[in-house]
Protein backbone atom coordinates (compact mmCIF):
# COMPACT_ATOMS: atom_id res chain seq x y z
CA MET A 1 -16.29 9.35 19.15
CA ASN A 2 -13.85 12.06 19.38
CA SER A 3 -10.41 12.19 18.18
CA ASP A 4 -8.85 11.03 21.33
CA SER A 5 -9.97 7.44 20.50
CA ILE A 6 -8.95 7.32 17.17
CA LEU A 7 -5.09 5.93 17.69
CA ARG A 8 -2.43 7.03 15.09
CA LEU A 9 -0.98 4.34 13.52
CA GLY A 10 2.10 5.91 13.66
CA ALA A 11 2.90 6.22 16.88
CA LEU A 12 2.76 2.76 17.35
CA LYS A 13 6.86 1.82 16.92
CA ASP A 14 6.95 -2.30 16.54
CA VAL A 15 4.73 -5.16 15.78
CA ALA A 16 3.82 -6.48 19.65
CA GLN A 17 2.38 -2.95 19.35
CA PHE A 18 0.22 -3.14 16.93
CA LYS A 19 -0.72 -7.13 17.47
CA GLU A 20 -1.84 -5.23 21.34
CA HIS A 21 -4.10 -2.58 19.72
CA VAL A 22 -5.63 -4.94 17.23
CA LYS A 23 -6.66 -7.53 19.90
CA SER A 24 -8.00 -4.38 22.15
CA CYS A 25 -10.59 -3.90 19.17
CA HIS A 26 -11.37 -7.05 19.42
CA LEU A 27 -9.93 -7.42 15.40
CA THR A 28 -8.23 -10.90 14.20
CA ILE A 29 -5.98 -9.10 11.00
CA PRO A 30 -3.06 -11.41 10.41
CA CYS A 31 0.07 -9.69 11.23
CA ASP A 32 3.87 -11.13 10.90
CA THR A 33 5.88 -10.41 13.14
CA GLU A 34 9.14 -9.73 11.12
CA ILE A 35 9.20 -7.57 8.00
CA LEU A 36 10.55 -9.62 4.95
CA THR A 37 12.25 -7.75 2.39
CA GLY A 38 13.61 -8.66 -1.48
CA SER A 39 12.71 -11.59 -2.88
CA ALA A 40 11.40 -13.19 0.00
CA SER A 41 8.82 -9.99 0.40
CA PRO A 42 5.00 -11.44 -0.24
CA LEU A 43 4.80 -8.15 -1.97
CA ARG A 44 7.39 -9.29 -4.70
CA THR A 45 5.50 -12.89 -5.52
CA PRO A 46 3.41 -13.27 -7.92
CA ILE A 47 -0.46 -13.58 -7.40
CA GLN A 48 -2.73 -16.13 -9.20
CA ARG A 49 -6.98 -15.32 -8.77
CA GLY A 50 -8.49 -17.55 -11.80
CA PRO A 51 -7.08 -16.60 -14.98
CA LEU A 52 -6.08 -13.59 -13.64
CA HIS A 53 -2.32 -13.88 -12.90
CA ILE A 54 -0.17 -10.61 -11.84
CA GLY A 55 3.46 -10.47 -11.32
CA ASN A 56 3.85 -8.90 -8.11
CA ARG A 57 1.66 -7.15 -5.29
CA ILE A 58 3.05 -3.78 -5.41
CA THR A 59 0.61 -1.14 -7.14
CA VAL A 60 0.00 2.72 -7.47
CA GLN A 61 -2.84 4.17 -7.58
CA PRO A 62 -4.48 6.11 -10.56
CA MET A 63 -4.66 9.63 -8.54
CA GLU A 64 -0.96 8.84 -6.93
CA ALA A 65 0.21 9.26 -10.81
CA GLY A 66 -1.91 12.25 -11.37
CA THR A 67 -1.20 13.70 -7.75
CA ALA A 68 2.61 12.87 -8.73
CA ARG A 69 2.22 14.86 -12.11
CA ALA A 70 0.24 18.17 -11.18
CA MET A 71 3.15 18.16 -7.75
CA ALA A 72 5.96 18.17 -11.22
CA ILE A 73 7.66 14.97 -9.76
CA PRO A 74 8.93 13.15 -12.50
CA PRO A 75 7.89 9.02 -12.55
CA SER A 76 11.04 6.82 -11.24
CA LEU A 77 8.44 3.74 -13.10
CA PRO A 78 5.33 4.10 -15.21
CA CYS A 79 2.41 4.20 -13.42
CA GLY A 80 0.02 1.70 -15.84
CA ALA A 81 -3.29 3.06 -16.26
CA GLY A 82 -3.26 6.02 -14.48
CA ALA A 83 -0.04 6.91 -16.54
CA THR A 84 -1.96 6.50 -19.13
CA SER A 85 -5.01 8.95 -18.49
CA ALA A 86 -2.77 11.73 -16.86
CA ALA A 87 -0.79 11.44 -19.52
CA ALA A 88 -3.87 11.79 -22.06
CA ALA A 89 -5.23 14.73 -19.39
CA GLU A 90 -2.73 16.66 -20.02
CA ASN A 91 -2.83 16.85 -23.72
């Protein structure tokens, strides 16, 4: 595989181009035509899987919290378990 065969997703300027690319790859990936924001966004809605209840679908990978601290970027929100691990590593 050469680098010409890998599409840089940032080169796609709209949803129609993304859908066409997905189709050209013979893939089926659900994709909304319109981006929903605020309280209408699926990322803001809770999800329930068995006994696990998650208040929204927005997450921060633990490594992201560590990277932000290493770069001296102050976190605007607590970063969950990653923040605890990063804080423990600093002490």
